[in-house]
Amino acid sequence: MRHSEPEFAEITPELRERLEKFRDERSGDSLGNVANTILFEDDDVRIWEMKLAPGEHSDLHHHEHDYYLVVDSGDLVAGIPPKDSPMDFFVGKIPPNGNTVRVPKGGTEWALNVGEKTYHEILIELKRT
């Protein structure tokens, strides 16, 4: 597993329409968990696992702390911020050998697997930052 800057896929008009439709349909969602399962937690870190089959999505979540994402499988995953967010949609490309990416605190989004492969990552939440 290596660390590198994330690569992003082009958002075609069709994909943008899909992401906008998803956001509109989920606009009433309350904030939920950043991933599926907590694997470990102490005073310093919380370690999560996220697995999304093609078409599956996470809860709407807020990155309360800094995170490291250790992505080991998948091909394309979208970040979909709420309408009132200053962020735009993004679609991350997953390298064949995975990637480790730093995510600073502050963002709010859903993760949506827009690829053809199951997306899997381990999230390391730095609770004392």
N, C-alpha and C. Protein backbone atom coordinates (compact mmCIF):
# COMPACT_ATOMS: atom_id res chain seq x y z
N MET A 1 0.86 -1.18 0.00
CA MET A 1 0.00 0.00 0.00
C MET A 1 0.90 1.23 0.00
N ARG A 2 0.59 2.16 -0.81
CA ARG A 2 1.40 3.36 -0.88
C ARG A 2 0.56 4.58 -0.55
N HIS A 3 1.24 5.67 -0.26
CA HIS A 3 0.55 6.94 -0.05
C HIS A 3 0.82 7.80 -1.27
N SER A 4 -0.24 8.33 -1.83
CA SER A 4 -0.07 9.27 -2.93
C SER A 4 -1.27 10.19 -2.94
N GLU A 5 -1.12 11.26 -3.67
CA GLU A 5 -2.24 12.18 -3.81
C GLU A 5 -3.36 11.45 -4.53
N PRO A 6 -4.59 11.67 -4.11
CA PRO A 6 -5.70 10.99 -4.79
C PRO A 6 -5.83 11.46 -6.23
N GLU A 7 -6.27 10.54 -7.07
CA GLU A 7 -6.58 10.86 -8.46
C GLU A 7 -8.10 10.94 -8.59
N PHE A 8 -8.56 11.83 -9.45
CA PHE A 8 -10.00 12.03 -9.60
C PHE A 8 -10.43 11.74 -11.03
N ALA A 9 -11.60 11.15 -11.16
CA ALA A 9 -12.19 10.86 -12.47
C ALA A 9 -12.98 12.07 -12.94
N GLU A 10 -13.11 12.18 -14.24
CA GLU A 10 -13.93 13.24 -14.82
C GLU A 10 -15.40 12.95 -14.48
N ILE A 11 -16.11 13.99 -14.14
CA ILE A 11 -17.54 13.85 -13.87
C ILE A 11 -18.29 14.24 -15.14
N THR A 12 -18.80 13.23 -15.82
CA THR A 12 -19.54 13.45 -17.06
C THR A 12 -20.90 14.07 -16.73
N PRO A 13 -21.57 14.66 -17.71
CA PRO A 13 -22.92 15.19 -17.44
C PRO A 13 -23.87 14.11 -16.90
N GLU A 14 -23.77 12.88 -17.41
CA GLU A 14 -24.63 11.80 -16.94
C GLU A 14 -24.33 11.45 -15.48
N LEU A 15 -23.05 11.41 -15.13
CA LEU A 15 -22.68 11.10 -13.75
C LEU A 15 -23.10 12.24 -12.82
N ARG A 16 -22.92 13.48 -13.25
CA ARG A 16 -23.35 14.62 -12.43
C ARG A 16 -24.85 14.54 -12.17
N GLU A 17 -25.62 14.19 -13.18
CA GLU A 17 -27.07 14.05 -13.02
C GLU A 17 -27.39 12.95 -12.00
N ARG A 18 -26.67 11.84 -12.06
CA ARG A 18 -26.87 10.74 -11.10
C ARG A 18 -26.55 11.20 -9.67
N LEU A 19 -25.46 11.93 -9.50
CA LEU A 19 -25.06 12.40 -8.17
C LEU A 19 -26.04 13.44 -7.64
N GLU A 20 -26.51 14.33 -8.50
CA GLU A 20 -27.50 15.33 -8.09
C GLU A 20 -28.82 14.66 -7.68
N LYS A 21 -29.23 13.64 -8.44
CA LYS A 21 -30.46 12.91 -8.11
C LYS A 21 -30.31 12.22 -6.77
N PHE A 22 -29.17 11.57 -6.54
CA PHE A 22 -28.91 10.92 -5.25
C PHE A 22 -29.03 11.93 -4.12
N ARG A 23 -28.36 13.08 -4.27
CA ARG A 23 -28.36 14.11 -3.23
C ARG A 23 -29.77 14.63 -2.97
N ASP A 24 -30.54 14.85 -4.03
CA ASP A 24 -31.92 15.33 -3.87
C ASP A 24 -32.78 14.30 -3.14
N GLU A 25 -32.64 13.02 -3.52
CA GLU A 25 -33.43 11.97 -2.89
C GLU A 25 -33.08 11.77 -1.42
N ARG A 26 -31.86 12.09 -1.02
CA ARG A 26 -31.38 11.85 0.35
C ARG A 26 -31.31 13.15 1.16
N SER A 27 -31.87 14.22 0.67
CA SER A 27 -31.69 15.54 1.28
C SER A 27 -32.20 15.62 2.72
N GLY A 28 -33.09 14.74 3.13
CA GLY A 28 -33.59 14.76 4.50
C GLY A 28 -32.80 13.91 5.47
N ASP A 29 -31.71 13.30 5.01
CA ASP A 29 -30.91 12.41 5.86
C ASP A 29 -30.31 13.16 7.05
N SER A 30 -30.31 12.51 8.19
CA SER A 30 -29.59 13.01 9.37
C SER A 30 -28.16 12.52 9.30
N LEU A 31 -27.27 13.19 10.03
CA LEU A 31 -25.89 12.73 10.09
C LEU A 31 -25.83 11.34 10.73
N GLY A 32 -25.00 10.50 10.17
CA GLY A 32 -24.81 9.14 10.69
C GLY A 32 -23.34 8.85 10.87
N ASN A 33 -23.01 7.58 10.77
CA ASN A 33 -21.63 7.13 10.97
C ASN A 33 -20.79 7.36 9.73
N VAL A 34 -19.50 7.55 9.96
CA VAL A 34 -18.55 7.79 8.88
C VAL A 34 -18.26 6.50 8.09
N ALA A 35 -18.53 5.35 8.68
CA ALA A 35 -18.29 4.07 8.00
C ALA A 35 -19.22 3.02 8.61
N ASN A 36 -19.06 1.75 8.19
CA ASN A 36 -19.97 0.69 8.60
C ASN A 36 -19.74 0.19 10.02
N THR A 37 -18.48 -0.06 10.38
CA THR A 37 -18.18 -0.79 11.62
C THR A 37 -16.98 -0.18 12.33
N ILE A 38 -17.07 -0.04 13.65
CA ILE A 38 -15.90 0.34 14.45
C ILE A 38 -15.13 -0.93 14.78
N LEU A 39 -13.85 -0.96 14.40
CA LEU A 39 -13.00 -2.12 14.66
C LEU A 39 -12.23 -1.98 15.98
N PHE A 40 -11.91 -0.73 16.35
CA PHE A 40 -11.11 -0.47 17.55
C PHE A 40 -11.32 0.97 17.97
N GLU A 41 -11.27 1.21 19.29
CA GLU A 41 -11.34 2.59 19.77
C GLU A 41 -10.66 2.69 21.12
N ASP A 42 -9.89 3.78 21.26
CA ASP A 42 -9.34 4.16 22.56
C ASP A 42 -9.40 5.69 22.63
N ASP A 43 -8.67 6.29 23.57
CA ASP A 43 -8.73 7.74 23.73
C ASP A 43 -8.11 8.50 22.56
N ASP A 44 -7.24 7.86 21.79
CA ASP A 44 -6.50 8.53 20.73
C ASP A 44 -7.09 8.34 19.33
N VAL A 45 -7.56 7.13 19.05
CA VAL A 45 -8.03 6.81 17.70
C VAL A 45 -9.32 6.01 17.73
N ARG A 46 -10.02 6.09 16.62
CA ARG A 46 -11.16 5.20 16.35
C ARG A 46 -10.88 4.64 14.96
N ILE A 47 -10.92 3.33 14.84
CA ILE A 47 -10.63 2.69 13.55
C ILE A 47 -11.92 2.05 13.03
N TRP A 48 -12.28 2.47 11.82
CA TRP A 48 -13.52 2.05 11.18
C TRP A 48 -13.22 1.19 9.97
N GLU A 49 -14.21 0.41 9.54
CA GLU A 49 -14.16 -0.29 8.27
C GLU A 49 -15.37 0.14 7.45
N MET A 50 -15.12 0.39 6.16
CA MET A 50 -16.22 0.68 5.24
C MET A 50 -16.12 -0.26 4.05
N LYS A 51 -17.24 -0.88 3.76
CA LYS A 51 -17.34 -1.74 2.58
C LYS A 51 -18.63 -1.36 1.86
N LEU A 52 -18.49 -1.01 0.58
CA LEU A 52 -19.64 -0.61 -0.23
C LEU A 52 -19.64 -1.40 -1.53
N ALA A 53 -20.67 -2.19 -1.75
CA ALA A 53 -20.85 -2.86 -3.03
C ALA A 53 -21.21 -1.81 -4.08
N PRO A 54 -21.05 -2.11 -5.36
CA PRO A 54 -21.46 -1.15 -6.38
C PRO A 54 -22.89 -0.67 -6.15
N GLY A 55 -23.05 0.67 -6.18
CA GLY A 55 -24.35 1.28 -5.95
C GLY A 55 -24.67 1.56 -4.49
N GLU A 56 -23.94 0.98 -3.54
CA GLU A 56 -24.19 1.24 -2.12
C GLU A 56 -23.55 2.55 -1.69
N HIS A 57 -24.09 3.11 -0.59
CA HIS A 57 -23.59 4.39 -0.09
C HIS A 57 -23.46 4.35 1.42
N SER A 58 -22.66 5.26 1.92
CA SER A 58 -22.51 5.45 3.36
C SER A 58 -23.64 6.32 3.88
N ASP A 59 -23.68 6.47 5.20
CA ASP A 59 -24.53 7.49 5.80
C ASP A 59 -23.99 8.86 5.39
N LEU A 60 -24.84 9.88 5.46
CA LEU A 60 -24.35 11.25 5.42
C LEU A 60 -23.52 11.40 6.69
N HIS A 61 -22.29 11.85 6.56
CA HIS A 61 -21.41 11.92 7.73
C HIS A 61 -20.55 13.17 7.68
N HIS A 62 -20.07 13.55 8.86
CA HIS A 62 -19.21 14.71 9.01
C HIS A 62 -17.86 14.25 9.55
N HIS A 63 -16.80 14.73 8.95
CA HIS A 63 -15.45 14.40 9.42
C HIS A 63 -15.09 15.35 10.57
N GLU A 64 -15.40 14.89 11.78
CA GLU A 64 -15.19 15.69 12.98
C GLU A 64 -13.71 15.84 13.34
N HIS A 65 -12.91 14.87 12.91
CA HIS A 65 -11.47 14.86 13.19
C HIS A 65 -10.72 14.63 11.88
N ASP A 66 -9.39 14.67 11.95
CA ASP A 66 -8.56 14.26 10.81
C ASP A 66 -8.61 12.74 10.68
N TYR A 67 -8.49 12.26 9.44
CA TYR A 67 -8.55 10.82 9.17
C TYR A 67 -7.43 10.43 8.21
N TYR A 68 -7.05 9.16 8.29
CA TYR A 68 -6.28 8.51 7.24
C TYR A 68 -7.16 7.40 6.70
N LEU A 69 -7.32 7.37 5.38
CA LEU A 69 -8.09 6.33 4.72
C LEU A 69 -7.11 5.36 4.08
N VAL A 70 -7.21 4.10 4.43
CA VAL A 70 -6.39 3.05 3.84
C VAL A 70 -7.32 2.27 2.93
N VAL A 71 -7.24 2.57 1.64
CA VAL A 71 -8.15 2.00 0.64
C VAL A 71 -7.45 0.82 -0.01
N ASP A 72 -8.08 -0.36 0.06
CA ASP A 72 -7.40 -1.52 -0.51
C ASP A 72 -8.13 -2.14 -1.70
N SER A 73 -9.36 -1.71 -1.99
CA SER A 73 -10.02 -2.24 -3.18
C SER A 73 -11.14 -1.31 -3.62
N GLY A 74 -11.51 -1.46 -4.87
CA GLY A 74 -12.54 -0.63 -5.48
C GLY A 74 -12.03 -0.06 -6.78
N ASP A 75 -12.85 0.74 -7.43
CA ASP A 75 -12.40 1.41 -8.64
C ASP A 75 -12.81 2.88 -8.67
N LEU A 76 -14.08 3.19 -8.36
CA LEU A 76 -14.54 4.58 -8.36
C LEU A 76 -15.48 4.80 -7.17
N VAL A 77 -15.20 5.83 -6.39
CA VAL A 77 -16.08 6.18 -5.28
C VAL A 77 -16.32 7.68 -5.32
N ALA A 78 -17.60 8.07 -5.18
CA ALA A 78 -17.97 9.48 -5.25
C ALA A 78 -18.15 10.04 -3.84
N GLY A 79 -17.78 11.29 -3.68
CA GLY A 79 -18.11 12.07 -2.50
C GLY A 79 -19.20 13.04 -2.89
N ILE A 80 -20.30 13.01 -2.14
CA ILE A 80 -21.46 13.83 -2.47
C ILE A 80 -21.78 14.72 -1.28
N PRO A 81 -21.44 15.99 -1.36
CA PRO A 81 -21.74 16.91 -0.25
C PRO A 81 -23.20 17.35 -0.29
N PRO A 82 -23.74 17.78 0.86
CA PRO A 82 -25.10 18.34 0.85
C PRO A 82 -25.15 19.61 -0.01
N LYS A 83 -26.35 20.00 -0.39
CA LYS A 83 -26.52 21.16 -1.28
C LYS A 83 -25.92 22.44 -0.73
N ASP A 84 -25.97 22.65 0.57
CA ASP A 84 -25.48 23.91 1.14
C ASP A 84 -23.97 23.93 1.36
N SER A 85 -23.29 22.89 0.93
CA SER A 85 -21.84 22.78 1.12
C SER A 85 -21.08 23.59 0.07
N PRO A 86 -19.93 24.17 0.45
CA PRO A 86 -19.09 24.83 -0.55
C PRO A 86 -18.34 23.83 -1.44
N MET A 87 -18.31 22.55 -1.04
CA MET A 87 -17.62 21.52 -1.82
C MET A 87 -18.48 21.10 -3.01
N ASP A 88 -17.81 20.65 -4.08
CA ASP A 88 -18.51 20.07 -5.23
C ASP A 88 -18.38 18.55 -5.13
N PHE A 89 -19.11 17.86 -5.99
CA PHE A 89 -18.95 16.41 -6.10
C PHE A 89 -17.51 16.09 -6.48
N PHE A 90 -17.05 14.91 -6.10
CA PHE A 90 -15.79 14.40 -6.60
C PHE A 90 -15.90 12.90 -6.74
N VAL A 91 -15.12 12.34 -7.66
CA VAL A 91 -15.07 10.90 -7.85
C VAL A 91 -13.61 10.48 -7.81
N GLY A 92 -13.26 9.74 -6.77
CA GLY A 92 -11.90 9.26 -6.61
C GLY A 92 -11.67 7.98 -7.38
N LYS A 93 -10.51 7.91 -8.05
CA LYS A 93 -10.08 6.69 -8.74
C LYS A 93 -9.23 5.88 -7.76
N ILE A 94 -9.52 4.61 -7.63
CA ILE A 94 -8.77 3.75 -6.72
C ILE A 94 -7.67 3.05 -7.54
N PRO A 95 -6.38 3.29 -7.18
CA PRO A 95 -5.31 2.60 -7.89
C PRO A 95 -5.39 1.08 -7.67
N PRO A 96 -4.90 0.28 -8.62
CA PRO A 96 -4.97 -1.18 -8.50
C PRO A 96 -4.37 -1.72 -7.19
N ASN A 97 -3.33 -1.07 -6.68
CA ASN A 97 -2.70 -1.53 -5.44
C ASN A 97 -3.19 -0.79 -4.21
N GLY A 98 -4.28 -0.05 -4.34
CA GLY A 98 -4.83 0.69 -3.21
C GLY A 98 -4.09 2.00 -2.98
N ASN A 99 -4.44 2.66 -1.88
CA ASN A 99 -3.86 3.97 -1.60
C ASN A 99 -4.14 4.32 -0.14
N THR A 100 -3.33 5.20 0.39
CA THR A 100 -3.56 5.78 1.70
C THR A 100 -3.67 7.28 1.51
N VAL A 101 -4.75 7.87 2.02
CA VAL A 101 -5.05 9.27 1.77
C VAL A 101 -5.38 9.95 3.09
N ARG A 102 -4.85 11.14 3.30
CA ARG A 102 -5.18 11.95 4.47
C ARG A 102 -6.41 12.79 4.15
N VAL A 103 -7.37 12.79 5.07
CA VAL A 103 -8.59 13.60 4.92
C VAL A 103 -8.67 14.53 6.12
N PRO A 104 -8.56 15.84 5.88
CA PRO A 104 -8.65 16.79 7.01
C PRO A 104 -10.08 16.90 7.53
N LYS A 105 -10.18 17.25 8.80
CA LYS A 105 -11.51 17.39 9.40
C LYS A 105 -12.28 18.51 8.72
N GLY A 106 -13.60 18.42 8.83
CA GLY A 106 -14.44 19.50 8.36
C GLY A 106 -15.44 19.16 7.27
N GLY A 107 -15.17 18.14 6.46
CA GLY A 107 -16.07 17.84 5.34
C GLY A 107 -17.30 17.06 5.78
N THR A 108 -18.39 17.26 5.04
CA THR A 108 -19.62 16.52 5.25
C THR A 108 -20.05 15.96 3.89
N GLU A 109 -20.34 14.64 3.85
CA GLU A 109 -20.69 14.03 2.57
C GLU A 109 -21.25 12.63 2.76
N TRP A 110 -21.79 12.12 1.67
CA TRP A 110 -22.07 10.70 1.52
C TRP A 110 -20.95 10.14 0.64
N ALA A 111 -20.57 8.88 0.85
CA ALA A 111 -19.72 8.17 -0.09
C ALA A 111 -20.64 7.23 -0.87
N LEU A 112 -20.50 7.22 -2.19
CA LEU A 112 -21.32 6.38 -3.06
C LEU A 112 -20.40 5.62 -4.00
N ASN A 113 -20.51 4.31 -4.00
CA ASN A 113 -19.71 3.50 -4.90
C ASN A 113 -20.34 3.59 -6.29
N VAL A 114 -19.68 4.34 -7.18
CA VAL A 114 -20.17 4.49 -8.55
C VAL A 114 -19.38 3.60 -9.52
N GLY A 115 -18.57 2.70 -8.96
CA GLY A 115 -17.77 1.81 -9.77
C GLY A 115 -18.42 0.45 -9.97
N GLU A 116 -17.61 -0.47 -10.48
CA GLU A 116 -18.07 -1.83 -10.75
C GLU A 116 -17.51 -2.83 -9.75
N LYS A 117 -16.59 -2.41 -8.89
CA LYS A 117 -15.98 -3.29 -7.90
C LYS A 117 -16.40 -2.87 -6.49
N THR A 118 -16.36 -3.81 -5.56
CA THR A 118 -16.65 -3.48 -4.16
C THR A 118 -15.55 -2.57 -3.63
N TYR A 119 -15.98 -1.51 -2.96
CA TYR A 119 -15.05 -0.54 -2.36
C TYR A 119 -14.82 -0.95 -0.92
N HIS A 120 -13.54 -0.97 -0.50
CA HIS A 120 -13.20 -1.34 0.87
C HIS A 120 -12.10 -0.43 1.38
N GLU A 121 -12.31 0.11 2.59
CA GLU A 121 -11.28 0.94 3.21
C GLU A 121 -11.33 0.77 4.72
N ILE A 122 -10.20 1.09 5.33
CA ILE A 122 -10.08 1.22 6.78
C ILE A 122 -9.85 2.70 7.04
N LEU A 123 -10.64 3.28 7.94
CA LEU A 123 -10.52 4.71 8.28
C LEU A 123 -9.91 4.81 9.67
N ILE A 124 -8.88 5.59 9.79
CA ILE A 124 -8.23 5.83 11.08
C ILE A 124 -8.55 7.26 11.48
N GLU A 125 -9.39 7.39 12.48
CA GLU A 125 -9.86 8.69 12.96
C GLU A 125 -8.97 9.13 14.12
N LEU A 126 -8.30 10.28 13.96
CA LEU A 126 -7.38 10.81 14.98
C LEU A 126 -8.19 11.69 15.93
N LYS A 127 -8.58 11.15 17.05
CA LYS A 127 -9.54 11.82 17.94
C LYS A 127 -8.96 13.01 18.68
N ARG A 128 -7.65 13.12 18.79
CA ARG A 128 -7.05 14.20 19.59
C ARG A 128 -6.50 15.34 18.74
N THR A 129 -6.94 15.46 17.52
CA THR A 129 -6.44 16.57 16.68
C THR A 129 -7.35 17.77 16.76
